[in-house]
Amino acid sequence: MIRRNEDMIKEVREKMRDGCGKVEIVHVFKKEELKGKARLFARIILHKNCSIGFHTHENEEEIYYILSGIATVNDNGTTYEAKAGDAILTGNGAGHSIENQQDSPLQVLAVILLYS
């Protein structure tokens, strides 16, 4: 199956997970299209001062792969910067948040894998 960029479902969420601003989500594939144990495969775009608030992942794990920009990440209580090419893995009850404090957009590939 090939999914063209122009055919991907795009949505905007405000204050996602009690974060700030608007988060653009481009669903590369929807959950219903995936045969594996996944519930999200999407490109996320955060503009300046936008964030996804701190949240935990029970019985699943989320991978953030930074495509472009610089992210400020809270990884289960530890805050650091992540840049293009870096990846963050959070799961098994741990939590995280991600924020863009830079002028240029932050683009992240996000994948959520289920444990069962």
N, C-alpha and C. Protein backbone atom coordinates (compact mmCIF):
# COMPACT_ATOMS: atom_id res chain seq x y z
N MET A 1 0.85 -1.18 0.00
CA MET A 1 0.00 0.00 0.00
C MET A 1 0.89 1.24 0.00
N ILE A 2 0.56 2.17 -0.83
CA ILE A 2 1.25 3.46 -0.85
C ILE A 2 0.25 4.52 -0.40
N ARG A 3 0.68 5.36 0.52
CA ARG A 3 -0.15 6.47 0.98
C ARG A 3 0.57 7.75 0.58
N ARG A 4 -0.01 8.48 -0.30
CA ARG A 4 0.55 9.75 -0.75
C ARG A 4 0.33 10.81 0.32
N ASN A 5 1.28 11.73 0.42
CA ASN A 5 1.18 12.79 1.42
C ASN A 5 -0.16 13.52 1.35
N GLU A 6 -0.60 13.82 0.14
CA GLU A 6 -1.86 14.57 0.00
C GLU A 6 -3.09 13.77 0.44
N ASP A 7 -2.94 12.44 0.59
CA ASP A 7 -4.05 11.60 1.02
C ASP A 7 -4.04 11.30 2.52
N MET A 8 -3.02 11.75 3.22
CA MET A 8 -2.94 11.49 4.66
C MET A 8 -3.92 12.37 5.41
N ILE A 9 -4.52 11.80 6.45
CA ILE A 9 -5.50 12.52 7.27
C ILE A 9 -4.73 13.48 8.18
N LYS A 10 -5.13 14.74 8.15
CA LYS A 10 -4.48 15.76 8.97
C LYS A 10 -5.49 16.28 9.99
N GLU A 11 -5.01 16.46 11.21
CA GLU A 11 -5.87 17.03 12.25
C GLU A 11 -5.05 17.98 13.09
N VAL A 12 -5.76 18.87 13.78
CA VAL A 12 -5.13 19.82 14.69
C VAL A 12 -5.79 19.65 16.05
N ARG A 13 -4.95 19.48 17.08
CA ARG A 13 -5.47 19.37 18.45
C ARG A 13 -4.93 20.54 19.27
N GLU A 14 -5.81 21.17 20.02
CA GLU A 14 -5.40 22.26 20.90
C GLU A 14 -5.09 21.71 22.28
N LYS A 15 -4.02 22.23 22.87
CA LYS A 15 -3.62 21.86 24.23
C LYS A 15 -3.59 20.34 24.43
N MET A 16 -2.92 19.66 23.52
CA MET A 16 -2.86 18.20 23.56
C MET A 16 -2.21 17.71 24.84
N ARG A 17 -2.88 16.84 25.54
CA ARG A 17 -2.41 16.30 26.82
C ARG A 17 -2.09 17.43 27.79
N ASP A 18 -2.88 18.48 27.77
CA ASP A 18 -2.71 19.68 28.60
C ASP A 18 -1.44 20.46 28.26
N GLY A 19 -0.98 20.31 27.04
CA GLY A 19 0.17 21.08 26.57
C GLY A 19 -0.27 22.47 26.13
N CYS A 20 0.60 23.16 25.40
CA CYS A 20 0.34 24.53 24.95
C CYS A 20 0.17 24.57 23.44
N GLY A 21 -0.70 25.47 23.00
CA GLY A 21 -0.85 25.73 21.58
C GLY A 21 -1.52 24.61 20.82
N LYS A 22 -1.29 24.63 19.51
CA LYS A 22 -1.89 23.66 18.60
C LYS A 22 -0.84 22.66 18.13
N VAL A 23 -1.26 21.41 18.05
CA VAL A 23 -0.40 20.34 17.56
C VAL A 23 -1.01 19.83 16.26
N GLU A 24 -0.21 19.82 15.20
CA GLU A 24 -0.65 19.27 13.92
C GLU A 24 -0.25 17.80 13.87
N ILE A 25 -1.21 16.94 13.54
CA ILE A 25 -0.96 15.51 13.44
C ILE A 25 -1.30 15.07 12.02
N VAL A 26 -0.33 14.46 11.36
CA VAL A 26 -0.54 13.91 10.02
C VAL A 26 -0.48 12.40 10.18
N HIS A 27 -1.64 11.75 10.07
CA HIS A 27 -1.71 10.30 10.24
C HIS A 27 -1.21 9.63 8.97
N VAL A 28 -0.01 9.06 9.06
CA VAL A 28 0.55 8.35 7.91
C VAL A 28 -0.34 7.15 7.61
N PHE A 29 -0.62 6.36 8.64
CA PHE A 29 -1.60 5.29 8.57
C PHE A 29 -2.45 5.35 9.83
N LYS A 30 -3.73 5.11 9.69
CA LYS A 30 -4.63 5.07 10.84
C LYS A 30 -4.53 3.71 11.53
N LYS A 31 -4.89 3.67 12.79
CA LYS A 31 -4.83 2.46 13.60
C LYS A 31 -5.53 1.29 12.90
N GLU A 32 -6.68 1.55 12.31
CA GLU A 32 -7.47 0.50 11.67
C GLU A 32 -6.77 -0.11 10.46
N GLU A 33 -5.81 0.60 9.89
CA GLU A 33 -5.09 0.11 8.70
C GLU A 33 -3.87 -0.74 9.07
N LEU A 34 -3.46 -0.67 10.32
CA LEU A 34 -2.25 -1.37 10.76
C LEU A 34 -2.63 -2.76 11.28
N LYS A 35 -1.98 -3.77 10.77
CA LYS A 35 -2.26 -5.15 11.20
C LYS A 35 -1.44 -5.53 12.43
N GLY A 36 -0.34 -4.83 12.66
CA GLY A 36 0.50 -5.09 13.83
C GLY A 36 -0.09 -4.45 15.08
N LYS A 37 0.61 -4.59 16.18
CA LYS A 37 0.14 -4.07 17.46
C LYS A 37 0.62 -2.63 17.62
N ALA A 38 -0.06 -1.75 16.91
CA ALA A 38 0.27 -0.32 16.96
C ALA A 38 -1.03 0.47 16.98
N ARG A 39 -0.99 1.63 17.61
CA ARG A 39 -2.18 2.48 17.60
C ARG A 39 -1.92 3.86 17.03
N LEU A 40 -0.65 4.16 16.70
CA LEU A 40 -0.35 5.46 16.10
C LEU A 40 0.90 5.35 15.24
N PHE A 41 0.83 5.92 14.05
CA PHE A 41 1.98 6.11 13.18
C PHE A 41 1.74 7.44 12.48
N ALA A 42 2.37 8.50 13.00
CA ALA A 42 2.03 9.84 12.53
C ALA A 42 3.24 10.77 12.57
N ARG A 43 3.15 11.81 11.72
CA ARG A 43 4.11 12.91 11.77
C ARG A 43 3.45 14.01 12.57
N ILE A 44 4.18 14.51 13.57
CA ILE A 44 3.64 15.56 14.45
C ILE A 44 4.44 16.83 14.22
N ILE A 45 3.73 17.94 14.10
CA ILE A 45 4.38 19.23 13.88
C ILE A 45 4.01 20.14 15.03
N LEU A 46 5.06 20.67 15.68
CA LEU A 46 4.89 21.63 16.77
C LEU A 46 5.56 22.93 16.36
N HIS A 47 4.80 24.02 16.38
CA HIS A 47 5.36 25.33 16.10
C HIS A 47 5.90 25.92 17.40
N LYS A 48 6.52 27.08 17.31
CA LYS A 48 7.14 27.71 18.48
C LYS A 48 6.16 27.80 19.65
N ASN A 49 6.66 27.43 20.83
CA ASN A 49 5.92 27.47 22.10
C ASN A 49 4.72 26.52 22.15
N CYS A 50 4.71 25.52 21.28
CA CYS A 50 3.66 24.50 21.33
C CYS A 50 4.23 23.23 21.94
N SER A 51 3.36 22.45 22.60
CA SER A 51 3.84 21.25 23.27
C SER A 51 2.75 20.19 23.37
N ILE A 52 3.20 18.97 23.63
CA ILE A 52 2.33 17.88 24.07
C ILE A 52 2.67 17.70 25.54
N GLY A 53 1.67 17.84 26.40
CA GLY A 53 1.89 17.79 27.84
C GLY A 53 2.35 16.42 28.34
N PHE A 54 2.82 16.41 29.57
CA PHE A 54 3.33 15.19 30.19
C PHE A 54 2.21 14.14 30.31
N HIS A 55 2.52 12.93 29.88
CA HIS A 55 1.57 11.82 29.96
C HIS A 55 2.36 10.51 30.06
N THR A 56 1.70 9.49 30.58
CA THR A 56 2.36 8.19 30.75
C THR A 56 1.83 7.19 29.72
N HIS A 57 2.60 6.12 29.58
CA HIS A 57 2.24 5.04 28.66
C HIS A 57 2.23 3.72 29.42
N GLU A 58 1.03 3.23 29.69
CA GLU A 58 0.83 1.94 30.35
C GLU A 58 0.55 0.88 29.28
N ASN A 59 1.18 -0.26 29.39
CA ASN A 59 0.96 -1.38 28.46
C ASN A 59 1.21 -1.01 27.00
N GLU A 60 2.08 -0.05 26.79
CA GLU A 60 2.47 0.38 25.44
C GLU A 60 3.75 1.20 25.55
N GLU A 61 4.32 1.51 24.39
CA GLU A 61 5.48 2.39 24.35
C GLU A 61 5.35 3.32 23.16
N GLU A 62 5.87 4.53 23.35
CA GLU A 62 5.84 5.53 22.27
C GLU A 62 7.27 5.87 21.89
N ILE A 63 7.48 5.93 20.59
CA ILE A 63 8.78 6.32 20.04
C ILE A 63 8.59 7.67 19.37
N TYR A 64 9.44 8.62 19.74
CA TYR A 64 9.53 9.90 19.02
C TYR A 64 10.85 9.86 18.27
N TYR A 65 10.80 10.08 16.97
CA TYR A 65 12.01 10.21 16.16
C TYR A 65 11.99 11.63 15.60
N ILE A 66 12.99 12.42 15.96
CA ILE A 66 13.03 13.83 15.57
C ILE A 66 13.45 13.93 14.10
N LEU A 67 12.55 14.46 13.28
CA LEU A 67 12.83 14.63 11.85
C LEU A 67 13.53 15.95 11.57
N SER A 68 13.06 17.03 12.22
CA SER A 68 13.69 18.34 12.05
C SER A 68 13.36 19.21 13.25
N GLY A 69 14.25 20.15 13.52
CA GLY A 69 14.07 21.06 14.66
C GLY A 69 14.75 20.54 15.91
N ILE A 70 14.51 21.25 17.00
CA ILE A 70 15.08 20.91 18.31
C ILE A 70 13.94 20.83 19.31
N ALA A 71 13.86 19.70 19.99
CA ALA A 71 12.79 19.46 20.97
C ALA A 71 13.32 19.60 22.38
N THR A 72 12.49 20.11 23.27
CA THR A 72 12.75 20.04 24.70
C THR A 72 11.87 18.89 25.20
N VAL A 73 12.52 17.86 25.74
CA VAL A 73 11.82 16.64 26.13
C VAL A 73 11.95 16.43 27.63
N ASN A 74 10.82 16.13 28.27
CA ASN A 74 10.82 15.66 29.65
C ASN A 74 10.67 14.15 29.56
N ASP A 75 11.73 13.43 29.84
CA ASP A 75 11.73 11.97 29.76
C ASP A 75 11.67 11.42 31.18
N ASN A 76 10.45 11.21 31.67
CA ASN A 76 10.21 10.65 33.00
C ASN A 76 10.90 11.45 34.10
N GLY A 77 10.86 12.80 33.95
CA GLY A 77 11.41 13.67 34.98
C GLY A 77 12.76 14.28 34.65
N THR A 78 13.41 13.79 33.62
CA THR A 78 14.69 14.35 33.18
C THR A 78 14.46 15.16 31.92
N THR A 79 14.87 16.43 31.91
CA THR A 79 14.67 17.30 30.77
C THR A 79 15.96 17.45 29.98
N TYR A 80 15.85 17.34 28.66
CA TYR A 80 17.00 17.51 27.79
C TYR A 80 16.54 17.95 26.42
N GLU A 81 17.49 18.32 25.56
CA GLU A 81 17.19 18.69 24.18
C GLU A 81 17.44 17.50 23.27
N ALA A 82 16.61 17.36 22.24
CA ALA A 82 16.79 16.34 21.23
C ALA A 82 16.70 17.02 19.87
N LYS A 83 17.56 16.62 18.94
CA LYS A 83 17.60 17.26 17.63
C LYS A 83 17.38 16.21 16.54
N ALA A 84 17.33 16.67 15.30
CA ALA A 84 17.08 15.79 14.16
C ALA A 84 18.01 14.58 14.21
N GLY A 85 17.42 13.40 14.06
CA GLY A 85 18.17 12.15 14.11
C GLY A 85 18.14 11.48 15.47
N ASP A 86 17.72 12.19 16.52
CA ASP A 86 17.62 11.60 17.87
C ASP A 86 16.27 10.90 18.01
N ALA A 87 16.24 9.90 18.90
CA ALA A 87 15.01 9.15 19.15
C ALA A 87 14.79 9.03 20.66
N ILE A 88 13.53 9.01 21.04
CA ILE A 88 13.13 8.90 22.45
C ILE A 88 12.16 7.73 22.56
N LEU A 89 12.37 6.86 23.52
CA LEU A 89 11.49 5.72 23.75
C LEU A 89 10.93 5.82 25.16
N THR A 90 9.60 5.80 25.29
CA THR A 90 8.94 5.91 26.59
C THR A 90 7.86 4.84 26.68
N GLY A 91 7.85 4.07 27.77
CA GLY A 91 6.81 3.07 27.93
C GLY A 91 6.88 2.39 29.28
N ASN A 92 6.07 1.35 29.43
CA ASN A 92 6.06 0.53 30.65
C ASN A 92 5.78 1.37 31.89
N GLY A 93 4.85 2.32 31.76
CA GLY A 93 4.46 3.15 32.90
C GLY A 93 5.19 4.46 33.01
N ALA A 94 6.25 4.66 32.23
CA ALA A 94 7.01 5.91 32.26
C ALA A 94 6.23 7.00 31.51
N GLY A 95 6.63 8.26 31.73
CA GLY A 95 5.95 9.38 31.09
C GLY A 95 6.91 10.31 30.39
N HIS A 96 6.33 11.18 29.55
CA HIS A 96 7.13 12.15 28.81
C HIS A 96 6.27 13.31 28.31
N SER A 97 6.96 14.36 27.92
CA SER A 97 6.33 15.49 27.22
C SER A 97 7.34 15.99 26.20
N ILE A 98 6.84 16.78 25.25
CA ILE A 98 7.73 17.33 24.22
C ILE A 98 7.27 18.73 23.88
N GLU A 99 8.24 19.62 23.66
CA GLU A 99 7.92 21.03 23.43
C GLU A 99 8.88 21.61 22.41
N ASN A 100 8.39 22.59 21.65
CA ASN A 100 9.23 23.34 20.72
C ASN A 100 9.39 24.76 21.24
N GLN A 101 10.61 25.12 21.63
CA GLN A 101 10.90 26.47 22.09
C GLN A 101 11.66 27.27 21.04
N GLN A 102 11.83 26.68 19.86
CA GLN A 102 12.61 27.31 18.79
C GLN A 102 11.69 28.03 17.81
N ASP A 103 12.27 28.88 16.96
CA ASP A 103 11.49 29.60 15.96
C ASP A 103 11.01 28.69 14.83
N SER A 104 11.83 27.72 14.43
CA SER A 104 11.45 26.85 13.33
C SER A 104 10.60 25.68 13.83
N PRO A 105 9.72 25.15 12.96
CA PRO A 105 8.85 24.05 13.38
C PRO A 105 9.65 22.81 13.78
N LEU A 106 9.09 22.08 14.72
CA LEU A 106 9.63 20.79 15.16
C LEU A 106 8.77 19.72 14.50
N GLN A 107 9.41 18.79 13.79
CA GLN A 107 8.69 17.69 13.17
C GLN A 107 9.18 16.38 13.76
N VAL A 108 8.23 15.56 14.18
CA VAL A 108 8.53 14.32 14.89
C VAL A 108 7.72 13.19 14.27
N LEU A 109 8.37 12.05 14.05
CA LEU A 109 7.64 10.83 13.69
C LEU A 109 7.29 10.15 15.01
N ALA A 110 6.00 9.89 15.23
CA ALA A 110 5.54 9.27 16.48
C ALA A 110 4.90 7.93 16.17
N VAL A 111 5.32 6.91 16.94
CA VAL A 111 4.79 5.56 16.78
C VAL A 111 4.44 5.05 18.17
N ILE A 112 3.22 4.53 18.35
CA ILE A 112 2.84 3.92 19.61
C ILE A 112 2.61 2.43 19.36
N LEU A 113 3.40 1.61 20.07
CA LEU A 113 3.32 0.15 19.97
C LEU A 113 2.68 -0.41 21.21
N LEU A 114 1.76 -1.36 21.04
CA LEU A 114 1.05 -1.97 22.16
C LEU A 114 1.77 -3.22 22.62
N TYR A 115 1.77 -3.48 23.92
CA TYR A 115 2.44 -4.67 24.46
C TYR A 115 1.61 -5.93 24.24
N SER A 116 0.30 -5.82 24.18
CA SER A 116 -0.50 -7.01 23.95
C SER A 116 -1.69 -6.71 23.07
